[in-house]
């Protein structure tokens, strides 16, 4: 049996670095030392080449759907592989006696990155698990109303619809401006929709289909004054935008880490304010002794340690890039293609380019061109992966580059779109 000491010693050895992870870390640490403004660093192609080389992405395709799930850097994959291989040397011992306790170190690092107490962070498998813990764990009675928007993530809406069928709650959805450059208007619409039976508000921090940044803190303050809790869907905000828990002041926040943090697929976290933990039921039963413990939300039975422990490497990479610098780069990549296409009369952006209201995610409609057909064309002819958004109030291609995306790839995307605008879709 491999001893704990032997394994921990192995972790300290230099790792094979096939894609320049160490070089990337050193380059960005050097950029930090120069004190360059994030906006200036965002345009430094030599600097971001180091970040691009840290990934193992397939350059035969252009992946502009990083809002769905992102690749992880090679170093994160290596860490996960090491933990998985070690787990399989003696699972019952290694998983529970060696690797299990190491989750506490990851919990502390996540809490530091989010700006909260480690006792308020549960490590989960994704944003859906985190958010459904809140959606299904808060006590609601028949006739109680949940207020959200019709732009919220479909899985979360499905969860409330199931509670409506099972428990008799009422789901109320409001419409939001597309795009919106008046945050107060979003707050007003939520406030106007509150009724006598409103018991819960559910809101996205960044709306997945448009990239709209929502004024969460103002909504939380408005709702708290009326005794209404707010669940915040942060699937697209953590490690995408530079912010801390105190900027939102919310009680419940769930996110995925395999999107903008570049952590292993199937990782996320749930934040619950310490005073609220006892009043929230876990998805899977936990003993009463854990009623006030954040770890009750991790009682899911046997599960891999490798995924969650490799989050540490992803955090190290994110910290080296720098949250503000990374946000600036993502917005620069968005602007690079969006401002070029916006110049065409038949292009309509459903995302504001004002940096206060959006970042990497943007949705573009080509007037007179069916969105689904355009999405299929881009993939079939150019191997460019985007997402076709079909909402009752609008449609368009959702485009989400990431830090490994090159300007040349965005040029190819823009070229392909402009050709269709000029010549139409091929028959």
Protein backbone atom coordinates (compact mmCIF):
# COMPACT_ATOMS: atom_id res chain seq x y z
CA UNK A 1 0.00 0.00 0.00
CA UNK A 2 1.28 3.45 -0.87
CA UNK A 3 1.73 5.36 2.36
CA UNK A 4 0.32 8.81 2.94
CA UNK A 5 3.85 10.14 3.48
CA UNK A 6 5.04 8.70 0.17
CA UNK A 7 2.14 10.24 -1.72
CA UNK A 8 2.50 13.65 -0.17
CA UNK A 9 6.20 13.51 -0.93
CA UNK A 10 5.44 12.74 -4.55
CA UNK A 11 3.20 15.77 -4.78
CA UNK A 12 6.16 17.97 -3.92
CA UNK A 13 8.20 16.75 -6.91
CA UNK A 14 8.39 18.87 -10.08
CA UNK A 15 5.69 17.80 -12.53
CA UNK A 16 5.98 17.22 -16.24
CA UNK A 17 4.91 20.47 -17.85
CA UNK A 18 4.07 19.67 -21.49
CA UNK A 19 2.03 22.78 -22.21
CA UNK A 20 3.81 25.57 -20.44
CA UNK A 21 1.82 25.85 -17.20
CA UNK A 22 4.88 26.91 -15.23
CA UNK A 23 5.88 29.37 -17.95
CA UNK A 24 2.39 30.88 -17.82
CA UNK A 25 2.52 31.24 -14.06
CA UNK A 26 5.90 32.96 -14.25
CA UNK A 27 4.83 35.26 -17.10
CA UNK A 28 1.75 36.51 -15.27
CA UNK A 29 3.58 36.87 -11.99
CA UNK A 30 6.07 39.01 -13.90
CA UNK A 31 3.22 41.09 -15.33
CA UNK A 32 1.94 41.65 -11.80
CA UNK A 33 5.36 42.88 -10.74
CA UNK A 34 5.38 45.52 -13.48
CA UNK A 35 2.14 47.01 -12.21
CA UNK A 36 0.57 47.17 -15.68
CA UNK A 37 -3.12 48.13 -15.68
CA UNK A 38 -5.50 45.23 -16.43
CA UNK A 39 -6.74 47.01 -19.57
CA UNK A 40 -3.17 47.26 -20.88
CA UNK A 41 -2.34 43.66 -20.02
CA UNK A 42 -5.53 42.53 -21.77
CA UNK A 43 -4.05 43.66 -25.11
CA UNK A 44 -0.63 42.06 -24.64
CA UNK A 45 -0.73 39.12 -27.06
CA UNK A 46 2.73 37.95 -26.03
CA UNK A 47 1.55 37.65 -22.44
CA UNK A 48 -1.67 35.78 -23.25
CA UNK A 49 0.20 33.34 -25.47
CA UNK A 50 1.52 31.82 -22.26
CA UNK A 51 -2.05 31.26 -21.05
CA UNK A 52 -3.04 29.76 -24.40
CA UNK A 53 -0.15 27.29 -24.22
CA UNK A 54 -1.22 26.05 -20.79
CA UNK A 55 -4.22 24.27 -22.35
CA UNK A 56 -4.44 21.10 -24.44
CA UNK A 57 -7.29 22.29 -26.66
CA UNK A 58 -7.92 20.97 -30.16
CA UNK A 59 -6.96 23.79 -32.54
CA UNK A 60 -8.66 21.99 -35.42
CA UNK A 61 -11.90 23.47 -34.08
CA UNK A 62 -12.77 26.88 -32.66
CA UNK A 63 -14.62 26.46 -29.39
CA UNK A 64 -16.73 29.53 -28.70
CA UNK A 65 -18.96 27.74 -26.19
CA UNK A 66 -16.89 28.10 -23.06
CA UNK A 67 -20.02 29.22 -21.28
CA UNK A 68 -21.18 25.61 -21.35
CA UNK A 69 -18.07 23.93 -20.01
CA UNK A 70 -14.44 24.90 -20.34
CA UNK A 71 -11.34 22.81 -20.84
CA UNK A 72 -8.94 22.60 -17.92
CA UNK A 73 -5.25 23.49 -18.23
CA UNK A 74 -2.86 20.56 -18.60
CA UNK A 75 -1.61 21.00 -15.03
CA UNK A 76 -5.15 20.66 -13.64
CA UNK A 77 -5.67 17.50 -15.70
CA UNK A 78 -2.37 16.13 -14.41
CA UNK A 79 -3.35 16.80 -10.80
CA UNK A 80 -6.69 15.06 -11.26
CA UNK A 81 -4.98 12.09 -12.89
CA UNK A 82 -2.50 11.77 -10.01
CA UNK A 83 -5.24 11.85 -7.39
CA UNK A 84 -7.32 9.32 -9.33
CA UNK A 85 -4.41 6.92 -9.74
CA UNK A 86 -3.53 7.19 -6.07
CA UNK A 87 -7.18 6.67 -5.10
CA UNK A 88 -7.18 3.35 -6.91
CA UNK A 89 -4.18 1.95 -5.01
CA UNK A 90 -6.38 1.30 -1.97
CA UNK A 91 -9.67 3.20 -2.30
CA UNK A 92 -11.26 2.53 1.10
CA UNK A 93 -8.15 3.80 2.86
CA UNK A 94 -6.93 6.48 0.47
CA UNK A 95 -10.30 8.11 -0.26
CA UNK A 96 -11.44 8.38 3.32
CA UNK A 97 -8.26 8.54 5.39
CA UNK A 98 -5.84 10.44 3.15
CA UNK A 99 -7.58 12.43 0.43
CA UNK A 100 -10.87 13.15 2.17
CA UNK A 101 -9.29 15.37 4.83
CA UNK A 102 -7.43 17.30 2.12
CA UNK A 103 -10.75 18.74 0.94
CA UNK A 104 -10.46 21.13 3.85
CA UNK A 105 -7.50 22.81 2.20
CA UNK A 106 -9.51 23.28 -1.00
CA UNK A 107 -12.43 24.62 1.03
CA UNK A 108 -10.14 27.23 2.58
CA UNK A 109 -8.75 28.26 -0.79
CA UNK A 110 -12.22 28.60 -2.32
CA UNK A 111 -13.38 30.65 0.65
CA UNK A 112 -10.40 32.95 0.29
CA UNK A 113 -11.11 33.42 -3.43
CA UNK A 114 -14.79 34.16 -2.76
CA UNK A 115 -14.15 36.25 0.33
CA UNK A 116 -16.09 34.31 2.95
CA UNK A 117 -15.65 32.02 5.95
CA UNK A 118 -14.53 28.48 5.00
CA UNK A 119 -17.43 27.24 7.13
CA UNK A 120 -19.78 28.79 4.55
CA UNK A 121 -18.48 26.85 1.51
CA UNK A 122 -19.67 23.39 0.47
CA UNK A 123 -17.83 21.69 -2.40
CA UNK A 124 -20.37 20.37 -4.89
CA UNK A 125 -20.46 18.88 -8.38
CA UNK A 126 -21.90 21.85 -10.26
CA UNK A 127 -24.11 24.92 -10.03
CA UNK A 128 -27.27 22.84 -10.50
CA UNK A 129 -26.53 20.75 -7.41
CA UNK A 130 -25.68 23.87 -5.43
CA UNK A 131 -28.77 25.79 -6.47
CA UNK A 132 -31.18 22.85 -6.22
CA UNK A 133 -29.99 22.34 -2.66
CA UNK A 134 -31.42 25.79 -1.96
CA UNK A 135 -34.45 25.48 -4.22
CA UNK A 136 -35.55 22.20 -2.66
CA UNK A 137 -34.12 22.80 0.81
CA UNK A 138 -36.01 25.96 1.76
CA UNK A 139 -39.42 25.34 3.33
CA UNK A 140 -42.30 26.54 1.18
CA UNK A 141 -46.03 25.94 1.61
CA UNK A 142 -48.80 25.43 -0.92
CA UNK A 143 -49.60 28.76 -2.55
CA UNK A 144 -46.23 30.33 -1.71
CA UNK A 145 -44.78 32.22 -4.65
CA UNK A 146 -41.26 32.08 -6.09
CA UNK A 147 -40.26 35.06 -8.22
CA UNK A 148 -37.67 34.82 -11.00
CA UNK A 149 -37.20 35.89 -14.62
CA UNK A 150 -37.95 34.12 -17.88
CA UNK A 151 -34.24 34.30 -18.71
CA UNK A 152 -33.13 32.04 -15.87
CA UNK A 153 -31.39 28.74 -16.54
CA UNK A 154 -33.85 26.05 -17.73
CA UNK A 155 -32.77 23.45 -15.14
CA UNK A 156 -33.52 25.87 -12.33
CA UNK A 157 -36.92 26.70 -13.80
CA UNK A 158 -37.61 22.97 -14.12
CA UNK A 159 -36.86 22.54 -10.42
CA UNK A 160 -39.45 25.13 -9.44
CA UNK A 161 -41.94 23.64 -11.89
CA UNK A 162 -41.53 20.28 -10.18
CA UNK A 163 -42.12 21.91 -6.78
CA UNK A 164 -45.23 23.49 -8.24
CA UNK A 165 -46.52 20.08 -9.32
CA UNK A 166 -45.50 18.34 -6.12
CA UNK A 167 -45.91 20.99 -3.41
CA UNK A 168 -48.38 23.43 -4.95
CA UNK A 169 -46.05 26.44 -4.96
CA UNK A 170 -46.49 29.15 -7.59
CA UNK A 171 -43.70 30.10 -10.00
CA UNK A 172 -43.88 33.70 -11.26
CA UNK A 173 -41.54 34.85 -14.05
CA UNK A 174 -40.93 38.43 -15.11
CA UNK A 175 -39.49 39.76 -18.36
CA UNK A 176 -36.24 41.76 -18.36
CA UNK A 177 -34.97 44.30 -20.92
CA UNK A 178 -32.69 42.82 -23.63
CA UNK A 179 -30.12 44.21 -23.23
CA UNK A 180 -30.41 46.40 -20.14
CA UNK A 181 -28.22 49.40 -19.36
CA UNK A 182 -30.38 50.61 -16.47
CA UNK A 183 -29.80 48.35 -13.44
CA UNK A 184 -32.48 50.20 -11.49
CA UNK A 185 -35.05 49.04 -14.05
CA UNK A 186 -34.25 45.40 -13.27
CA UNK A 187 -34.68 46.06 -9.55
CA UNK A 188 -37.96 47.90 -10.21
CA UNK A 189 -39.36 45.00 -12.21
CA UNK A 190 -38.59 42.51 -9.45
CA UNK A 191 -39.99 44.84 -6.81
CA UNK A 192 -43.17 45.48 -8.79
CA UNK A 193 -43.79 41.75 -9.15
CA UNK A 194 -43.65 41.02 -5.41
CA UNK A 195 -47.00 39.97 -4.04
CA UNK A 196 -48.51 39.04 -0.69
CA UNK A 197 -47.43 35.39 -1.11
CA UNK A 198 -43.91 36.00 -2.47
CA UNK A 199 -41.59 33.92 -0.28
CA UNK A 200 -38.44 33.58 -2.41
CA UNK A 201 -36.58 35.36 -5.23
CA UNK A 202 -34.21 33.54 -7.58
CA UNK A 203 -31.83 35.65 -9.69
CA UNK A 204 -28.86 35.14 -12.00
CA UNK A 205 -25.71 37.15 -11.37
CA UNK A 206 -24.80 36.77 -15.06
CA UNK A 207 -27.60 35.61 -17.37
CA UNK A 208 -26.34 32.66 -19.37
CA UNK A 209 -28.18 33.42 -22.63
CA UNK A 210 -27.12 37.07 -23.00
CA UNK A 211 -24.25 37.70 -20.56
CA UNK A 212 -26.26 40.45 -18.84
CA UNK A 213 -24.81 41.35 -15.44
CA UNK A 214 -27.66 41.71 -12.95
CA UNK A 215 -27.58 44.13 -9.97
CA UNK A 216 -27.65 41.38 -7.36
CA UNK A 217 -26.76 43.48 -4.32
CA UNK A 218 -29.58 45.94 -4.98
CA UNK A 219 -32.10 43.12 -5.45
CA UNK A 220 -30.91 41.42 -2.25
CA UNK A 221 -31.23 44.67 -0.28
CA UNK A 222 -34.71 45.33 -1.66
CA UNK A 223 -35.86 41.78 -0.90
CA UNK A 224 -34.24 41.60 2.54
CA UNK A 225 -36.14 44.71 3.60
CA UNK A 226 -39.30 42.70 2.91
CA UNK A 227 -38.07 39.53 4.61
CA UNK A 228 -37.69 37.65 1.31
CA UNK A 229 -34.59 35.45 0.81
CA UNK A 230 -32.72 35.53 -2.51
CA UNK A 231 -30.95 32.60 -4.19
CA UNK A 232 -28.17 33.79 -6.51
CA UNK A 233 -27.23 31.73 -9.56
CA UNK A 234 -23.53 32.46 -9.96
CA UNK A 235 -22.80 29.75 -12.53
CA UNK A 236 -21.36 32.33 -14.94
CA UNK A 237 -19.90 34.91 -12.58
CA UNK A 238 -17.34 33.26 -10.27
CA UNK A 239 -13.83 33.47 -11.79
CA UNK A 240 -15.36 35.37 -14.74
CA UNK A 241 -15.95 38.68 -12.98
CA UNK A 242 -13.67 40.09 -10.30
CA UNK A 243 -15.85 40.34 -7.20
CA UNK A 244 -16.20 39.08 -3.64
CA UNK A 245 -19.08 37.76 -1.56
CA UNK A 246 -19.36 41.12 0.20
CA UNK A 247 -20.12 42.80 -3.14
CA UNK A 248 -23.32 40.75 -3.39
CA UNK A 249 -24.24 40.48 0.31
CA UNK A 250 -26.41 37.46 -0.48
CA UNK A 251 -27.27 34.48 1.74
CA UNK A 252 -27.22 31.75 -0.93
CA UNK A 253 -24.91 31.47 -3.95
CA UNK A 254 -24.19 28.50 -6.19
CA UNK A 255 -21.67 28.15 -8.99
CA UNK A 256 -19.87 25.73 -11.28
CA UNK A 257 -16.08 25.67 -11.33
CA UNK A 258 -15.70 23.92 -14.69
CA UNK A 259 -16.69 27.07 -16.58
CA UNK A 260 -14.58 30.13 -15.80
CA UNK A 261 -12.25 28.73 -13.13
CA UNK A 262 -11.10 25.93 -15.51
CA UNK A 263 -11.41 23.33 -12.76
CA UNK A 264 -12.18 19.63 -13.48
CA UNK A 265 -15.53 18.87 -15.04
CA UNK A 266 -18.11 18.17 -12.36
CA UNK A 267 -16.99 20.67 -9.72
CA UNK A 268 -18.76 23.58 -8.06
CA UNK A 269 -19.46 25.18 -4.72
CA UNK A 270 -22.39 26.32 -2.62
CA UNK A 271 -22.12 29.35 -0.36
CA UNK A 272 -24.60 29.59 2.49
CA UNK A 273 -24.29 32.38 5.03
CA UNK A 274 -23.40 30.76 8.34
CA UNK A 275 -26.56 31.91 10.09
CA UNK A 276 -28.68 30.33 7.34
CA UNK A 277 -27.12 26.85 7.25
CA UNK A 278 -29.30 25.33 9.95
CA UNK A 279 -32.50 26.38 8.20
CA UNK A 280 -31.59 24.82 4.84
CA UNK A 281 -32.25 21.11 4.24
CA UNK A 282 -29.58 19.17 2.27
CA UNK A 283 -30.47 17.35 -0.94
CA UNK A 284 -29.39 14.04 0.60
CA UNK A 285 -30.08 13.26 4.23
CA UNK A 286 -27.44 14.12 6.82
CA UNK A 287 -27.36 13.25 10.54
CA UNK A 288 -28.81 15.80 12.95
CA UNK A 289 -25.35 16.47 14.38
CA UNK A 290 -24.55 18.22 11.06
CA UNK A 291 -27.61 20.48 11.07
CA UNK A 292 -25.49 23.60 11.49
CA UNK A 293 -22.46 22.34 9.54
CA UNK A 294 -21.82 23.34 5.90
CA UNK A 295 -20.57 19.79 5.28
CA UNK A 296 -24.10 18.42 5.49
CA UNK A 297 -24.49 19.54 1.88
CA UNK A 298 -21.63 17.21 0.88
CA UNK A 299 -23.33 14.06 2.23
CA UNK A 300 -23.77 12.43 -1.19
CA UNK A 301 -22.24 9.00 -0.60
CA UNK A 302 -19.02 7.70 -2.12
CA UNK A 303 -17.62 10.12 -4.66
CA UNK A 304 -14.22 10.78 -6.29
CA UNK A 305 -11.64 12.86 -4.48
CA UNK A 306 -9.65 13.67 -7.62
CA UNK A 307 -12.12 16.18 -9.06
CA UNK A 308 -12.42 18.32 -5.97
CA UNK A 309 -8.75 18.22 -4.95
CA UNK A 310 -7.58 19.32 -8.40
CA UNK A 311 -9.59 22.52 -7.88
CA UNK A 312 -6.50 23.73 -6.03
CA UNK A 313 -4.44 23.78 -9.23
CA UNK A 314 -7.20 25.65 -11.05
CA UNK A 315 -7.26 28.26 -8.30
CA UNK A 316 -3.48 28.66 -8.54
CA UNK A 317 -3.80 29.29 -12.29
CA UNK A 318 -6.66 31.77 -11.81
CA UNK A 319 -4.72 33.64 -9.14
CA UNK A 320 -1.66 33.84 -11.36
CA UNK A 321 -3.69 35.29 -14.24
CA UNK A 322 -5.19 37.80 -11.81
CA UNK A 323 -8.95 38.22 -11.49
CA UNK A 324 -9.04 41.82 -12.77
CA UNK A 325 -6.60 41.09 -15.59
CA UNK A 326 -8.53 37.98 -16.62
CA UNK A 327 -11.85 39.86 -16.64
CA UNK A 328 -10.29 42.58 -18.79
CA UNK A 329 -8.94 40.01 -21.27
CA UNK A 330 -12.28 38.24 -21.55
CA UNK A 331 -14.05 41.54 -22.22
CA UNK A 332 -11.37 42.48 -24.76
CA UNK A 333 -11.94 39.22 -26.66
CA UNK A 334 -15.71 39.85 -26.64
CA UNK A 335 -15.26 43.37 -27.96
CA UNK A 336 -12.81 42.21 -30.62
CA UNK A 337 -15.46 40.28 -32.55
CA UNK A 338 -18.62 42.07 -31.37
CA UNK A 339 -17.55 45.59 -32.33
CA UNK A 340 -16.48 44.39 -35.76
CA UNK A 341 -19.81 42.66 -36.48
CA UNK A 342 -21.89 45.42 -34.91
CA UNK A 343 -20.89 47.67 -37.80
CA UNK A 344 -23.16 45.67 -40.13
CA UNK A 345 -26.75 46.86 -40.51
CA UNK A 346 -28.17 43.33 -40.23
CA UNK A 347 -26.43 42.56 -36.96
CA UNK A 348 -28.22 43.03 -33.68
CA UNK A 349 -26.44 42.51 -30.36
CA UNK A 350 -28.60 41.36 -27.47
CA UNK A 351 -25.75 42.15 -25.09
CA UNK A 352 -24.61 45.57 -23.94
CA UNK A 353 -20.95 46.32 -24.66
CA UNK A 354 -20.81 48.67 -21.69
CA UNK A 355 -18.28 46.99 -19.35
CA UNK A 356 -20.58 47.54 -16.39
CA UNK A 357 -23.22 45.23 -17.81
CA UNK A 358 -21.41 42.33 -19.50
CA UNK A 359 -18.09 40.57 -19.98
CA UNK A 360 -17.13 37.49 -22.05
CA UNK A 361 -20.61 36.30 -23.03
CA UNK A 362 -22.50 37.99 -25.86
CA UNK A 363 -25.42 37.02 -28.08
CA UNK A 364 -25.67 38.20 -31.67
CA UNK A 365 -28.59 37.96 -34.08
CA UNK A 366 -28.22 38.11 -37.86
CA UNK A 367 -31.46 39.63 -39.14
CA UNK A 368 -33.02 37.47 -41.82
CA UNK A 369 -30.84 34.45 -40.97
CA UNK A 370 -32.26 31.60 -38.90
CA UNK A 371 -30.11 31.22 -35.80
CA UNK A 372 -30.22 27.42 -35.64
CA UNK A 373 -29.29 27.16 -39.31
CA UNK A 374 -26.40 29.58 -38.77
CA UNK A 375 -25.12 27.59 -35.82
CA UNK A 376 -25.16 24.38 -37.88
CA UNK A 377 -23.46 26.12 -40.81
CA UNK A 378 -20.62 27.45 -38.66
CA UNK A 379 -19.95 23.97 -37.35
CA UNK A 380 -20.38 22.04 -40.60
CA UNK A 381 -18.36 24.41 -42.81
CA UNK A 382 -15.89 26.00 -40.39
CA UNK A 383 -15.79 23.78 -37.29
CA UNK A 384 -16.74 26.77 -35.14
CA UNK A 385 -18.78 25.81 -32.08
CA UNK A 386 -21.37 28.33 -30.87
CA UNK A 387 -24.80 28.01 -29.23
CA UNK A 388 -28.12 28.81 -30.88
CA UNK A 389 -30.34 30.68 -28.41
CA UNK A 390 -34.08 30.54 -29.14
CA UNK A 391 -35.96 32.52 -26.50
CA UNK A 392 -39.62 33.60 -26.82
CA UNK A 393 -38.49 37.24 -26.84
CA UNK A 394 -35.30 37.05 -28.94
CA UNK A 395 -32.83 34.74 -30.64
CA UNK A 396 -29.16 34.76 -31.58
CA UNK A 397 -25.82 32.99 -31.43
CA UNK A 398 -24.23 32.91 -27.99
CA UNK A 399 -20.49 33.40 -28.36
CA UNK A 400 -18.14 32.79 -25.43
CA UNK A 401 -14.38 32.90 -26.03
CA UNK A 402 -11.96 32.17 -23.21
CA UNK A 403 -8.38 33.01 -22.26
CA UNK A 404 -7.01 30.32 -24.59
CA UNK A 405 -8.90 31.78 -27.59
CA UNK A 406 -6.66 33.53 -30.13
CA UNK A 407 -7.43 36.68 -32.09
CA UNK A 408 -6.90 34.68 -35.27
CA UNK A 409 -9.71 32.34 -34.26
CA UNK A 410 -12.02 35.29 -33.65
CA UNK A 411 -11.06 36.66 -37.06
CA UNK A 412 -12.07 33.35 -38.64
CA UNK A 413 -15.41 33.48 -36.83
CA UNK A 414 -16.04 37.07 -37.94
CA UNK A 415 -15.01 36.27 -41.51
CA UNK A 416 -17.47 33.36 -41.62
CA UNK A 417 -20.31 35.51 -40.28
CA UNK A 418 -19.60 38.34 -42.70
CA UNK A 419 -19.58 35.93 -45.63
CA UNK A 420 -23.08 34.77 -44.70
CA UNK A 421 -24.23 38.36 -44.29
CA UNK A 422 -22.91 39.07 -47.78
CA UNK A 423 -23.84 35.86 -49.64
CA UNK A 424 -26.47 34.17 -47.44
CA UNK A 425 -26.38 30.60 -46.17
CA UNK A 426 -25.36 28.06 -48.81
CA UNK A 427 -28.18 25.97 -50.19
